[in-house]
C-alpha atoms as a PDB file:
ATOM      1  CA  UNK A   1     -63.054 -91.652 -34.672  1.00  0.00           C
ATOM      2  CA  UNK A   2     -61.136 -92.140 -37.917  1.00  0.00           C
ATOM      3  CA  UNK A   3     -60.540 -95.764 -37.294  1.00  0.00           C
ATOM      4  CA  UNK A   4     -64.310 -96.589 -36.753  1.00  0.00           C
ATOM      5  CA  UNK A   5     -64.999 -94.865 -39.982  1.00  0.00           C
ATOM      6  CA  UNK A   6     -62.723 -96.804 -42.015  1.00  0.00           C
ATOM      7  CA  UNK A   7     -63.790 -99.996 -40.427  1.00  0.00           C
ATOM      8  CA  UNK A   8     -67.327 -98.665 -41.475  1.00  0.00           C
ATOM      9  CA  UNK A   9     -66.312 -98.356 -45.193  1.00  0.00           C
ATOM     10  CA  UNK A  10     -64.725-101.967 -44.822  1.00  0.00           C
ATOM     11  CA  UNK A  11     -67.622-103.424 -43.843  1.00  0.00           C
ATOM     12  CA  UNK A  12     -69.687-101.530 -46.396  1.00  0.00           C
ATOM     13  CA  UNK A  13     -67.336-103.026 -49.127  1.00  0.00           C
ATOM     14  CA  UNK A  14     -67.410-106.288 -47.443  1.00  0.00           C
ATOM     15  CA  UNK A  15     -71.238-106.350 -47.900  1.00  0.00           C
ATOM     16  CA  UNK A  16     -71.297-105.105 -51.542  1.00  0.00           C
ATOM     17  CA  UNK A  17     -68.863-107.500 -52.587  1.00  0.00           C
ATOM     18  CA  UNK A  18     -70.431-110.602 -50.951  1.00  0.00           C
ATOM     19  CA  UNK A  19     -73.786-109.537 -52.738  1.00  0.00           C
ATOM     20  CA  UNK A  20     -71.820-109.437 -56.110  1.00  0.00           C
ATOM     21  CA  UNK A  21     -70.638-112.981 -55.230  1.00  0.00           C
ATOM     22  CA  UNK A  22     -73.945-114.453 -54.768  1.00  0.00           C
ATOM     23  CA  UNK A  23     -75.204-112.499 -58.093  1.00  0.00           C
ATOM     24  CA  UNK A  24     -72.082-113.858 -59.932  1.00  0.00           C
ATOM     25  CA  UNK A  25     -73.536-117.193 -59.391  1.00  0.00           C
ATOM     26  CA  UNK A  26     -76.889-116.724 -59.874  1.00  0.00           C
ATOM     27  CA  UNK A  27     -76.123-114.946 -63.303  1.00  0.00           C
ATOM     28  CA  UNK A  28     -74.646-118.224 -64.412  1.00  0.00           C
ATOM     29  CA  UNK A  29     -78.221-119.590 -64.743  1.00  0.00           C
ATOM     30  CA  UNK A  30     -80.329-116.362 -65.211  1.00  0.00           C
ATOM     31  CA  UNK A  31     -78.542-113.694 -67.049  1.00  0.00           C
ATOM     32  CA  UNK A  32     -81.621-111.163 -67.751  1.00  0.00           C
ATOM     33  CA  UNK A  33     -81.393-107.778 -68.128  1.00  0.00           C
ATOM     34  CA  UNK A  34     -82.989-107.398 -64.208  1.00  0.00           C
ATOM     35  CA  UNK A  35     -79.872-109.413 -62.972  1.00  0.00           C
ATOM     36  CA  UNK A  36     -77.765-106.996 -65.011  1.00  0.00           C
ATOM     37  CA  UNK A  37     -78.727-104.407 -63.343  1.00  0.00           C
ATOM     38  CA  UNK A  38     -78.552-105.658 -60.113  1.00  0.00           C
ATOM     39  CA  UNK A  39     -75.133-106.687 -60.396  1.00  0.00           C
ATOM     40  CA  UNK A  40     -74.401-102.924 -62.198  1.00  0.00           C
ATOM     41  CA  UNK A  41     -76.115-101.422 -58.599  1.00  0.00           C
ATOM     42  CA  UNK A  42     -74.086-103.810 -56.607  1.00  0.00           C
ATOM     43  CA  UNK A  43     -70.858-102.665 -58.094  1.00  0.00           C
ATOM     44  CA  UNK A  44     -71.594 -99.045 -57.837  1.00  0.00           C
ATOM     45  CA  UNK A  45     -72.177 -99.453 -54.246  1.00  0.00           C
ATOM     46  CA  UNK A  46     -68.845-101.421 -53.846  1.00  0.00           C
ATOM     47  CA  UNK A  47     -67.078 -98.696 -55.696  1.00  0.00           C
ATOM     48  CA  UNK A  48     -68.580 -95.577 -54.043  1.00  0.00           C
ATOM     49  CA  UNK A  49     -68.392 -96.898 -50.494  1.00  0.00           C
ATOM     50  CA  UNK A  50     -64.454 -96.355 -51.169  1.00  0.00           C
ATOM     51  CA  UNK A  51     -64.415 -93.177 -52.396  1.00  0.00           C
ATOM     52  CA  UNK A  52     -65.471 -90.324 -49.972  1.00  0.00           C
ATOM     53  CA  UNK A  53     -62.290 -89.527 -48.253  1.00  0.00           C
ATOM     54  CA  UNK A  54     -61.680 -86.743 -45.965  1.00  0.00           C
ATOM     55  CA  UNK A  55     -58.544 -87.709 -44.451  1.00  0.00           C
ATOM     56  CA  UNK A  56     -55.191 -89.762 -44.890  1.00  0.00           C
ATOM     57  CA  UNK A  57     -56.326 -92.571 -43.136  1.00  0.00           C
ATOM     58  CA  UNK A  58     -59.143 -92.651 -45.189  1.00  0.00           C
ATOM     59  CA  UNK A  59     -57.432 -92.345 -48.415  1.00  0.00           C
ATOM     60  CA  UNK A  60     -55.034 -95.418 -47.050  1.00  0.00           C
ATOM     61  CA  UNK A  61     -58.175 -97.576 -46.578  1.00  0.00           C
ATOM     62  CA  UNK A  62     -59.483 -96.699 -49.815  1.00  0.00           C
ATOM     63  CA  UNK A  63     -56.297 -97.620 -51.632  1.00  0.00           C
ATOM     64  CA  UNK A  64     -56.521-100.851 -49.442  1.00  0.00           C
ATOM     65  CA  UNK A  65     -59.827-101.498 -50.513  1.00  0.00           C
ATOM     66  CA  UNK A  66     -59.705-100.725 -54.153  1.00  0.00           C
ATOM     67  CA  UNK A  67     -58.313-104.274 -55.112  1.00  0.00           C
ATOM     68  CA  UNK A  68     -61.548-106.114 -53.535  1.00  0.00           C
ATOM     69  CA  UNK A  69     -63.822-104.121 -55.565  1.00  0.00           C
ATOM     70  CA  UNK A  70     -61.702-104.259 -58.844  1.00  0.00           C
ATOM     71  CA  UNK A  71     -61.141-108.147 -58.252  1.00  0.00           C
ATOM     72  CA  UNK A  72     -65.146-108.595 -57.933  1.00  0.00           C
ATOM     73  CA  UNK A  73     -65.918-106.751 -60.998  1.00  0.00           C
ATOM     74  CA  UNK A  74     -63.524-108.500 -63.064  1.00  0.00           C
ATOM     75  CA  UNK A  75     -65.148-111.711 -61.937  1.00  0.00           C
ATOM     76  CA  UNK A  76     -68.624-110.356 -62.864  1.00  0.00           C
ATOM     77  CA  UNK A  77     -67.417-109.231 -66.367  1.00  0.00           C
ATOM     78  CA  UNK A  78     -65.795-112.336 -66.804  1.00  0.00           C
ATOM     79  CA  UNK A  79     -69.175-114.319 -66.364  1.00  0.00           C
ATOM     80  CA  UNK A  80     -70.811-112.390 -69.119  1.00  0.00           C
ATOM     81  CA  UNK A  81     -71.052-113.241 -72.835  1.00  0.00           C
ATOM     82  CA  UNK A  82     -70.745-109.981 -75.402  1.00  0.00           C
ATOM     83  CA  UNK A  83     -74.285-109.121 -75.400  1.00  0.00           C
ATOM     84  CA  UNK A  84     -74.539-109.071 -71.304  1.00  0.00           C
ATOM     85  CA  UNK A  85     -71.162-107.254 -70.813  1.00  0.00           C
ATOM     86  CA  UNK A  86     -72.048-104.759 -73.525  1.00  0.00           C
ATOM     87  CA  UNK A  87     -75.210-104.021 -71.528  1.00  0.00           C
ATOM     88  CA  UNK A  88     -73.370-103.689 -68.548  1.00  0.00           C
ATOM     89  CA  UNK A  89     -70.076-101.996 -68.995  1.00  0.00           C
ATOM     90  CA  UNK A  90     -71.534 -98.446 -70.311  1.00  0.00           C
ATOM     91  CA  UNK A  91     -73.175 -98.075 -66.676  1.00  0.00           C
ATOM     92  CA  UNK A  92     -70.017 -99.517 -65.049  1.00  0.00           C
ATOM     93  CA  UNK A  93     -67.693 -96.928 -67.035  1.00  0.00           C
ATOM     94  CA  UNK A  94     -70.082 -93.977 -65.506  1.00  0.00           C
ATOM     95  CA  UNK A  95     -69.388 -95.474 -62.062  1.00  0.00           C
ATOM     96  CA  UNK A  96     -65.902 -95.964 -62.577  1.00  0.00           C
ATOM     97  CA  UNK A  97     -65.524 -92.462 -64.054  1.00  0.00           C
ATOM     98  CA  UNK A  98     -67.025 -91.094 -61.097  1.00  0.00           C
ATOM     99  CA  UNK A  99     -65.004 -93.218 -58.526  1.00  0.00           C
ATOM    100  CA  UNK A 100     -61.615 -92.610 -60.387  1.00  0.00           C
ATOM    101  CA  UNK A 101     -61.385 -96.377 -60.774  1.00  0.00           C
ATOM    102  CA  UNK A 102     -61.454 -96.861 -64.295  1.00  0.00           C
ATOM    103  CA  UNK A 103     -57.579 -97.152 -64.621  1.00  0.00           C
ATOM    104  CA  UNK A 104     -57.469 -99.736 -62.135  1.00  0.00           C
ATOM    105  CA  UNK A 105     -59.886-101.896 -63.849  1.00  0.00           C
ATOM    106  CA  UNK A 106     -58.087-101.175 -67.251  1.00  0.00           C
ATOM    107  CA  UNK A 107     -54.670-102.385 -65.360  1.00  0.00           C
ATOM    108  CA  UNK A 108     -56.229-105.853 -64.067  1.00  0.00           C
ATOM    109  CA  UNK A 109     -57.969-106.414 -67.328  1.00  0.00           C
ATOM    110  CA  UNK A 110     -54.979-105.983 -69.563  1.00  0.00           C
ATOM    111  CA  UNK A 111     -52.978-107.982 -67.049  1.00  0.00           C
ATOM    112  CA  UNK A 112     -55.065-110.614 -67.092  1.00  0.00           C
ATOM    113  CA  UNK A 113     -55.211-110.742 -71.196  1.00  0.00           C
ATOM    114  CA  UNK A 114     -51.615-110.475 -71.380  1.00  0.00           C
ATOM    115  CA  UNK A 115     -51.035-113.570 -68.929  1.00  0.00           C
ATOM    116  CA  UNK A 116     -53.589-115.261 -70.929  1.00  0.00           C
ATOM    117  CA  UNK A 117     -51.891-114.909 -74.190  1.00  0.00           C
ATOM    118  CA  UNK A 118     -49.426-117.470 -75.608  1.00  0.00           C
ATOM    119  CA  UNK A 119     -49.164-115.786 -78.991  1.00  0.00           C
ATOM    120  CA  UNK A 120     -48.088-112.024 -79.118  1.00  0.00           C
ATOM    121  CA  UNK A 121     -49.603-111.704 -82.745  1.00  0.00           C
ATOM    122  CA  UNK A 122     -53.307-112.227 -81.243  1.00  0.00           C
ATOM    123  CA  UNK A 123     -52.712-109.944 -78.405  1.00  0.00           C
ATOM    124  CA  UNK A 124     -55.398-107.276 -77.747  1.00  0.00           C
ATOM    125  CA  UNK A 125     -56.865-108.351 -81.432  1.00  0.00           C
ATOM    126  CA  UNK A 126     -60.150-109.615 -80.041  1.00  0.00           C
ATOM    127  CA  UNK A 127     -63.246-108.201 -78.521  1.00  0.00           C
ATOM    128  CA  UNK A 128     -62.177-108.860 -75.282  1.00  0.00           C
ATOM    129  CA  UNK A 129     -63.700-107.700 -72.098  1.00  0.00           C
ATOM    130  CA  UNK A 130     -60.020-105.539 -71.726  1.00  0.00           C
ATOM    131  CA  UNK A 131     -60.454-103.888 -74.915  1.00  0.00           C
ATOM    132  CA  UNK A 132     -64.042-103.260 -74.629  1.00  0.00           C
ATOM    133  CA  UNK A 133     -63.516-101.637 -71.196  1.00  0.00           C
ATOM    134  CA  UNK A 134     -60.570 -99.865 -72.513  1.00  0.00           C
ATOM    135  CA  UNK A 135     -61.988 -98.551 -75.678  1.00  0.00           C
ATOM    136  CA  UNK A 136     -65.174 -97.136 -73.747  1.00  0.00           C
ATOM    137  CA  UNK A 137     -63.086 -95.117 -71.414  1.00  0.00           C
ATOM    138  CA  UNK A 138     -61.245 -94.027 -74.170  1.00  0.00           C
ATOM    139  CA  UNK A 139     -63.930 -92.744 -76.199  1.00  0.00           C
ATOM    140  CA  UNK A 140     -65.281 -91.066 -73.013  1.00  0.00           C
ATOM    141  CA  UNK A 141     -62.152 -89.383 -72.453  1.00  0.00           C
ATOM    142  CA  UNK A 142     -60.843 -88.680 -75.610  1.00  0.00           C
ATOM    143  CA  UNK A 143     -64.046 -88.153 -77.924  1.00  0.00           C
ATOM    144  CA  UNK A 144     -63.591 -84.491 -78.416  1.00  0.00           C
ATOM    145  CA  UNK A 145     -59.608 -84.876 -78.737  1.00  0.00           C
ATOM    146  CA  UNK A 146     -60.273 -87.429 -81.559  1.00  0.00           C
ATOM    147  CA  UNK A 147     -63.050 -85.194 -83.271  1.00  0.00           C
ATOM    148  CA  UNK A 148     -60.427 -81.946 -82.936  1.00  0.00           C
ATOM    149  CA  UNK A 149     -57.548 -84.143 -84.338  1.00  0.00           C
ATOM    150  CA  UNK A 150     -59.412 -85.729 -87.441  1.00  0.00           C
ATOM    151  CA  UNK A 151     -62.023 -82.877 -88.473  1.00  0.00           C
ATOM    152  CA  UNK A 152     -59.633 -80.509 -90.218  1.00  0.00           C
ATOM    153  CA  UNK A 153     -58.296 -83.324 -92.266  1.00  0.00           C
ATOM    154  CA  UNK A 154     -61.449 -85.480 -92.582  1.00  0.00           C
ATOM    155  CA  UNK A 155     -63.880 -82.698 -93.482  1.00  0.00           C
ATOM    156  CA  UNK A 156     -62.347 -81.298 -96.462  1.00  0.00           C
ATOM    157  CA  UNK A 157     -61.683 -84.996 -97.751  1.00  0.00           C
ATOM    158  CA  UNK A 158     -65.396 -85.619 -97.501  1.00  0.00           C
ATOM    159  CA  UNK A 159     -66.348 -82.815 -99.820  1.00  0.00           C
ATOM    160  CA  UNK A 160     -63.298 -83.001-102.145  1.00  0.00           C
ATOM    161  CA  UNK A 161     -64.402 -83.386-105.881  1.00  0.00           C
ATOM    162  CA  UNK A 162     -61.320 -85.676-106.566  1.00  0.00           C
ATOM    163  CA  UNK A 163     -62.803 -87.890-103.849  1.00  0.00           C
ATOM    164  CA  UNK A 164     -66.517 -87.719-104.846  1.00  0.00           C
ATOM    165  CA  UNK A 165     -65.673 -89.317-108.388  1.00  0.00           C
ATOM    166  CA  UNK A 166     -63.839 -91.854-107.001  1.00  0.00           C
ATOM    167  CA  UNK A 167     -60.222 -90.829-107.653  1.00  0.00           C
ATOM    168  CA  UNK A 168     -58.548 -92.432-104.548  1.00  0.00           C
ATOM    169  CA  UNK A 169     -60.005 -95.876-105.670  1.00  0.00           C
ATOM    170  CA  UNK A 170     -56.736 -98.076-106.274  1.00  0.00           C
ATOM    171  CA  UNK A 171     -58.373-101.383-106.420  1.00  0.00           C
ATOM    172  CA  UNK A 172     -58.176-101.847-110.269  1.00  0.00           C
ATOM    173  CA  UNK A 173     -61.239-104.316-110.282  1.00  0.00           C
ATOM    174  CA  UNK A 174     -63.203-101.172-108.590  1.00  0.00           C
ATOM    175  CA  UNK A 175     -62.224 -98.642-110.821  1.00  0.00           C
ATOM    176  CA  UNK A 176     -61.992 -97.548-114.705  1.00  0.00           C
ATOM    177  CA  UNK A 177     -58.911 -96.150-116.329  1.00  0.00           C
ATOM    178  CA  UNK A 178     -55.534 -96.743-117.441  1.00  0.00           C
ATOM    179  CA  UNK A 179     -52.170 -97.408-115.928  1.00  0.00           C
ATOM    180  CA  UNK A 180     -51.585 -93.451-115.820  1.00  0.00           C
ATOM    181  CA  UNK A 181     -54.998 -92.692-113.873  1.00  0.00           C
ATOM    182  CA  UNK A 182     -53.798 -95.567-111.207  1.00  0.00           C
ATOM    183  CA  UNK A 183     -50.717 -94.415-110.766  1.00  0.00           C
ATOM    184  CA  UNK A 184     -52.206 -90.750-109.827  1.00  0.00           C
ATOM    185  CA  UNK A 185     -54.789 -92.381-107.936  1.00  0.00           C
ATOM    186  CA  UNK A 186     -52.044 -94.067-105.830  1.00  0.00           C
ATOM    187  CA  UNK A 187     -50.064 -90.666-105.372  1.00  0.00           C
ATOM    188  CA  UNK A 188     -53.414 -88.966-104.503  1.00  0.00           C
ATOM    189  CA  UNK A 189     -54.054 -91.679-101.729  1.00  0.00           C
ATOM    190  CA  UNK A 190     -50.712 -91.724-100.182  1.00  0.00           C
ATOM    191  CA  UNK A 191     -50.878 -87.543-100.002  1.00  0.00           C
ATOM    192  CA  UNK A 192     -54.462 -87.898 -98.281  1.00  0.00           C
ATOM    193  CA  UNK A 193     -53.161 -90.409 -96.099  1.00  0.00           C
ATOM    194  CA  UNK A 194     -50.246 -88.463 -95.137  1.00  0.00           C
ATOM    195  CA  UNK A 195     -52.050 -85.483 -94.188  1.00  0.00           C
ATOM    196  CA  UNK A 196     -54.359 -87.524 -91.877  1.00  0.00           C
ATOM    197  CA  UNK A 197     -51.427 -89.604 -90.137  1.00  0.00           C
ATOM    198  CA  UNK A 198     -49.857 -86.289 -89.724  1.00  0.00           C
ATOM    199  CA  UNK A 199     -52.633 -84.779 -88.201  1.00  0.00           C
ATOM    200  CA  UNK A 200     -52.724 -87.415 -85.346  1.00  0.00           C
ATOM    201  CA  UNK A 201     -49.057 -87.445 -84.856  1.00  0.00           C
ATOM    202  CA  UNK A 202     -49.040 -83.764 -84.571  1.00  0.00           C
ATOM    203  CA  UNK A 203     -51.590 -83.945 -81.727  1.00  0.00           C
ATOM    204  CA  UNK A 204     -49.843 -85.903 -79.370  1.00  0.00           C
ATOM    205  CA  UNK A 205     -48.813 -83.037 -77.559  1.00  0.00           C
ATOM    206  CA  UNK A 206     -52.691 -82.341 -76.941  1.00  0.00           C
ATOM    207  CA  UNK A 207     -53.534 -85.897 -75.992  1.00  0.00           C
ATOM    208  CA  UNK A 208     -55.523 -86.070 -72.849  1.00  0.00           C
ATOM    209  CA  UNK A 209     -53.575 -87.319 -69.834  1.00  0.00           C
ATOM    210  CA  UNK A 210     -56.093 -90.414 -69.198  1.00  0.00           C
ATOM    211  CA  UNK A 211     -55.569 -91.635 -72.828  1.00  0.00           C
ATOM    212  CA  UNK A 212     -51.829 -91.492 -72.243  1.00  0.00           C
ATOM    213  CA  UNK A 213     -52.323 -93.380 -68.964  1.00  0.00           C
ATOM    214  CA  UNK A 214     -54.176 -96.068 -70.764  1.00  0.00           C
ATOM    215  CA  UNK A 215     -51.488 -96.091 -73.294  1.00  0.00           C
ATOM    216  CA  UNK A 216     -48.949 -96.514 -70.547  1.00  0.00           C
ATOM    217  CA  UNK A 217     -50.831 -99.791 -69.069  1.00  0.00           C
ATOM    218  CA  UNK A 218     -50.791-101.341 -72.280  1.00  0.00           C
ATOM    219  CA  UNK A 219     -47.277-100.762 -72.918  1.00  0.00           C
ATOM    220  CA  UNK A 220     -45.755-101.735 -69.473  1.00  0.00           C
ATOM    221  CA  UNK A 221     -48.268-104.874 -69.290  1.00  0.00           C
ATOM    222  CA  UNK A 222     -46.856-106.186 -72.228  1.00  0.00           C
ATOM    223  CA  UNK A 223     -43.212-105.468 -72.315  1.00  0.00           C
ATOM    224  CA  UNK A 224     -42.737-107.899 -69.409  1.00  0.00           C
ATOM    225  CA  UNK A 225     -43.990-111.203 -71.482  1.00  0.00           C
ATOM    226  CA  UNK A 226     -43.845-109.769 -74.806  1.00  0.00           C
ATOM    227  CA  UNK A 227     -41.011-106.937 -75.193  1.00  0.00           C
ATOM    228  CA  UNK A 228     -40.986-106.693 -78.873  1.00  0.00           C
ATOM    229  CA  UNK A 229     -44.822-106.379 -79.040  1.00  0.00           C
ATOM    230  CA  UNK A 230     -45.160-103.094 -76.326  1.00  0.00           C
ATOM    231  CA  UNK A 231     -45.412-100.924 -79.148  1.00  0.00           C
ATOM    232  CA  UNK A 232     -47.752-102.592 -80.933  1.00  0.00           C
ATOM    233  CA  UNK A 233     -49.994-103.021 -77.990  1.00  0.00           C
ATOM    234  CA  UNK A 234     -50.095 -99.579 -77.863  1.00  0.00           C
ATOM    235  CA  UNK A 235     -50.993 -99.042 -81.576  1.00  0.00           C
ATOM    236  CA  UNK A 236     -54.156-101.854 -81.045  1.00  0.00           C
ATOM    237  CA  UNK A 237     -55.601 -99.304 -78.452  1.00  0.00           C
ATOM    238  CA  UNK A 238     -54.802 -95.893 -80.286  1.00  0.00           C
ATOM    239  CA  UNK A 239     -55.505 -97.081 -83.776  1.00  0.00           C
ATOM    240  CA  UNK A 240     -57.601-100.374 -84.020  1.00  0.00           C
ATOM    241  CA  UNK A 241     -59.912 -99.191 -80.885  1.00  0.00           C
ATOM    242  CA  UNK A 242     -59.956 -95.282 -81.396  1.00  0.00           C
ATOM    243  CA  UNK A 243     -58.519 -93.659 -84.567  1.00  0.00           C
ATOM    244  CA  UNK A 244     -59.177 -96.027 -87.450  1.00  0.00           C
ATOM    245  CA  UNK A 245     -62.842 -96.614 -86.507  1.00  0.00           C
ATOM    246  CA  UNK A 246     -63.299 -92.696 -86.425  1.00  0.00           C
ATOM    247  CA  UNK A 247     -61.778 -92.382 -89.635  1.00  0.00           C
ATOM    248  CA  UNK A 248     -63.633 -95.184 -91.207  1.00  0.00           C
ATOM    249  CA  UNK A 249     -67.029 -93.876 -89.351  1.00  0.00           C
ATOM    250  CA  UNK A 250     -66.357 -90.217 -88.870  1.00  0.00           C
ATOM    251  CA  UNK A 251     -69.987 -89.271 -88.951  1.00  0.00           C
ATOM    252  CA  UNK A 252     -70.467 -92.171 -86.208  1.00  0.00           C
ATOM    253  CA  UNK A 253     -67.797 -90.258 -84.351  1.00  0.00           C
ATOM    254  CA  UNK A 254     -68.950 -86.679 -84.653  1.00  0.00           C
ATOM    255  CA  UNK A 255     -66.146 -85.847 -86.610  1.00  0.00           C
ATOM    256  CA  UNK A 256     -68.322 -84.702 -89.726  1.00  0.00           C
ATOM    257  CA  UNK A 257     -71.923 -83.999 -89.618  1.00  0.00           C
ATOM    258  CA  UNK A 258     -73.957 -87.127 -90.410  1.00  0.00           C
ATOM    259  CA  UNK A 259     -74.888 -87.415 -93.800  1.00  0.00           C
ATOM    260  CA  UNK A 260     -71.971 -85.508 -95.095  1.00  0.00           C
ATOM    261  CA  UNK A 261     -69.889 -88.842 -96.103  1.00  0.00           C
ATOM    262  CA  UNK A 262     -70.908 -90.167 -99.649  1.00  0.00           C
ATOM    263  CA  UNK A 263     -69.955 -93.900-100.508  1.00  0.00           C
ATOM    264  CA  UNK A 264     -66.969 -92.611-102.494  1.00  0.00           C
ATOM    265  CA  UNK A 265     -65.772 -90.723 -99.070  1.00  0.00           C
ATOM    266  CA  UNK A 266     -66.450 -93.559 -97.129  1.00  0.00           C
ATOM    267  CA  UNK A 267     -64.326 -95.941 -99.542  1.00  0.00           C
ATOM    268  CA  UNK A 268     -61.275 -93.389 -99.523  1.00  0.00           C
ATOM    269  CA  UNK A 269     -61.563 -93.069 -95.835  1.00  0.00           C
ATOM    270  CA  UNK A 270     -61.368 -97.153 -95.564  1.00  0.00           C
ATOM    271  CA  UNK A 271     -58.183 -97.324 -97.726  1.00  0.00           C
ATOM    272  CA  UNK A 272     -56.469 -94.506 -95.854  1.00  0.00           C
ATOM    273  CA  UNK A 273     -57.334 -96.691 -92.565  1.00  0.00           C
ATOM    274  CA  UNK A 274     -55.765 -99.620 -94.072  1.00  0.00           C
ATOM    275  CA  UNK A 275     -52.595 -97.970 -94.727  1.00  0.00           C
ATOM    276  CA  UNK A 276     -52.653 -96.138 -91.193  1.00  0.00           C
ATOM    277  CA  UNK A 277     -53.523 -99.060 -89.270  1.00  0.00           C
ATOM    278  CA  UNK A 278     -50.697-101.257 -91.677  1.00  0.00           C
ATOM    279  CA  UNK A 279     -48.301 -98.768 -90.347  1.00  0.00           C
ATOM    280  CA  UNK A 280     -49.400 -99.013 -86.765  1.00  0.00           C
ATOM    281  CA  UNK A 281     -48.834-102.801 -86.941  1.00  0.00           C
ATOM    282  CA  UNK A 282     -45.294-102.376 -87.611  1.00  0.00           C
ATOM    283  CA  UNK A 283     -45.590-104.016 -91.334  1.00  0.00           C
ATOM    284  CA  UNK A 284     -43.932-103.035 -94.223  1.00  0.00           C
ATOM    285  CA  UNK A 285     -46.173-104.438 -96.763  1.00  0.00           C
ATOM    286  CA  UNK A 286     -49.670-104.636 -97.296  1.00  0.00           C
ATOM    287  CA  UNK A 287     -52.126-107.712 -97.262  1.00  0.00           C
ATOM    288  CA  UNK A 288     -53.836-106.576-100.240  1.00  0.00           C
ATOM    289  CA  UNK A 289     -52.096-106.740-103.571  1.00  0.00           C
ATOM    290  CA  UNK A 290     -53.667-103.557-104.963  1.00  0.00           C
ATOM    291  CA  UNK A 291     -52.060-101.726-102.159  1.00  0.00           C
ATOM    292  CA  UNK A 292     -48.685-103.150-102.930  1.00  0.00           C
ATOM    293  CA  UNK A 293     -47.650-100.101-104.915  1.00  0.00           C
ATOM    294  CA  UNK A 294     -48.085 -98.163-101.332  1.00  0.00           C
ATOM    295  CA  UNK A 295     -45.732-100.020 -99.540  1.00  0.00           C
ATOM    296  CA  UNK A 296     -43.234 -96.984 -99.627  1.00  0.00           C
ATOM    297  CA  UNK A 297     -45.962 -95.364 -97.227  1.00  0.00           C
ATOM    298  CA  UNK A 298     -45.456 -98.014 -94.575  1.00  0.00           C
ATOM    299  CA  UNK A 299     -41.681 -97.918 -94.953  1.00  0.00           C
ATOM    300  CA  UNK A 300     -41.458 -94.240 -94.835  1.00  0.00           C
ATOM    301  CA  UNK A 301     -43.892 -93.790 -91.819  1.00  0.00           C
ATOM    302  CA  UNK A 302     -42.134 -96.525 -89.693  1.00  0.00           C
ATOM    303  CA  UNK A 303     -40.001 -94.133 -87.983  1.00  0.00           C
ATOM    304  CA  UNK A 304     -42.838 -91.562 -87.261  1.00  0.00           C
ATOM    305  CA  UNK A 305     -45.050 -94.236 -86.084  1.00  0.00           C
ATOM    306  CA  UNK A 306     -42.560 -95.686 -83.810  1.00  0.00           C
ATOM    307  CA  UNK A 307     -41.905 -92.412 -82.317  1.00  0.00           C
ATOM    308  CA  UNK A 308     -45.516 -91.239 -81.921  1.00  0.00           C
ATOM    309  CA  UNK A 309     -46.400 -94.786 -80.137  1.00  0.00           C
ATOM    310  CA  UNK A 310     -43.472 -94.108 -77.906  1.00  0.00           C
ATOM    311  CA  UNK A 311     -44.337 -90.728 -77.339  1.00  0.00           C
ATOM    312  CA  UNK A 312     -47.891 -91.386 -76.351  1.00  0.00           C
ATOM    313  CA  UNK A 313     -46.949 -94.443 -73.997  1.00  0.00           C
ATOM    314  CA  UNK A 314     -43.610 -92.790 -72.343  1.00  0.00           C
ATOM    315  CA  UNK A 315     -43.739 -92.257 -68.483  1.00  0.00           C
ATOM    316  CA  UNK A 316     -43.856 -88.995 -67.563  1.00  0.00           C
ATOM    317  CA  UNK A 317     -40.249 -87.326 -67.678  1.00  0.00           C
ATOM    318  CA  UNK A 318     -39.308 -89.648 -70.245  1.00  0.00           C
ATOM    319  CA  UNK A 319     -38.911 -87.025 -73.093  1.00  0.00           C
ATOM    320  CA  UNK A 320     -37.885 -87.603 -76.744  1.00  0.00           C
ATOM    321  CA  UNK A 321     -34.064 -87.475 -77.842  1.00  0.00           C
ATOM    322  CA  UNK A 322     -33.153 -84.423 -79.733  1.00  0.00           C
ATOM    323  CA  UNK A 323     -32.419 -86.963 -82.562  1.00  0.00           C
ATOM    324  CA  UNK A 324     -35.833 -88.441 -81.912  1.00  0.00           C
ATOM    325  CA  UNK A 325     -37.219 -84.894 -82.326  1.00  0.00           C
ATOM    326  CA  UNK A 326     -35.500 -84.168 -85.360  1.00  0.00           C
ATOM    327  CA  UNK A 327     -36.547 -87.133 -87.146  1.00  0.00           C
ATOM    328  CA  UNK A 328     -40.385 -86.597 -86.307  1.00  0.00           C
ATOM    329  CA  UNK A 329     -39.770 -82.967 -87.137  1.00  0.00           C
ATOM    330  CA  UNK A 330     -38.550 -83.983 -90.794  1.00  0.00           C
ATOM    331  CA  UNK A 331     -41.097 -86.626 -90.880  1.00  0.00           C
ATOM    332  CA  UNK A 332     -43.918 -83.930 -90.512  1.00  0.00           C
ATOM    333  CA  UNK A 333     -42.464 -81.859 -93.441  1.00  0.00           C
ATOM    334  CA  UNK A 334     -42.484 -84.997 -95.461  1.00  0.00           C
ATOM    335  CA  UNK A 335     -46.167 -85.324 -94.588  1.00  0.00           C
ATOM    336  CA  UNK A 336     -47.149 -82.066 -95.401  1.00  0.00           C
ATOM    337  CA  UNK A 337     -45.320 -82.363 -98.869  1.00  0.00           C
ATOM    338  CA  UNK A 338     -46.535 -85.971 -99.451  1.00  0.00           C
ATOM    339  CA  UNK A 339     -42.733 -87.108-100.403  1.00  0.00           C
END
């Protein structure tokens, strides 16, 4: 009886993936909303046909069938342009989440992107399907975590009188005052950036398991071909796709209430985000000349950023050594004092 049910599951998936193949061809000439909805429904059937398992035999069948559904999903997504994919991805993510197959799709998309990339400097920098799917799922699973991490430092910053009067502006072309005032602005911007980075690093132990899994996928997929860029790949998903957008648009992420971010506060958050993203990129100097006086921030925080990216993407059981833990403890202390 179990074998009959397994074969029934196999037949359902085969039927759904056959329909997907036909729709994939149709979408090359007819990429309309209705077609997108039909593809989404077919993907849903392909996914859900393998998710109700009551025995070990069913579980084995599900694992065997999953690659077919993932392969077809990837093929469909690769046929869509950006606007079309953006319509389909949110619904697809909901289906994937219900079926516990999101990570499998991310792994396939990330591996494909690594294989198609020749320059590690461009890896995961584009608005690719892999990045959009990863970002979408990360937001679904980690939004409350991001809010809880950033709200305690971003909310006070947005209401700080110093910020409100442009006190963190360090571009001479955008501020008045002399050299002493500019030097103070550099110190203030560094101190606020330290607070935000410290909040992110200190929250690593509370990171949701799904976010950690995504980080592991990016690291493991990258290290085979570009071993020196493995941690940078982790930084791209954590900062470029998650924390930095939440820092620069905290009202859009629910970190602060809508309407509570003044233009001066938003500008300050952009500058903070630039410093943190540059640190995550592994750079020791900023591209903008007006941020050059803060290059020491990048250098001083490089070890703790490396520790953080490693901790967020390490395989289970690979804890930090005592020396590494000591380094991050000292770095946390420096972040609080701003020294």
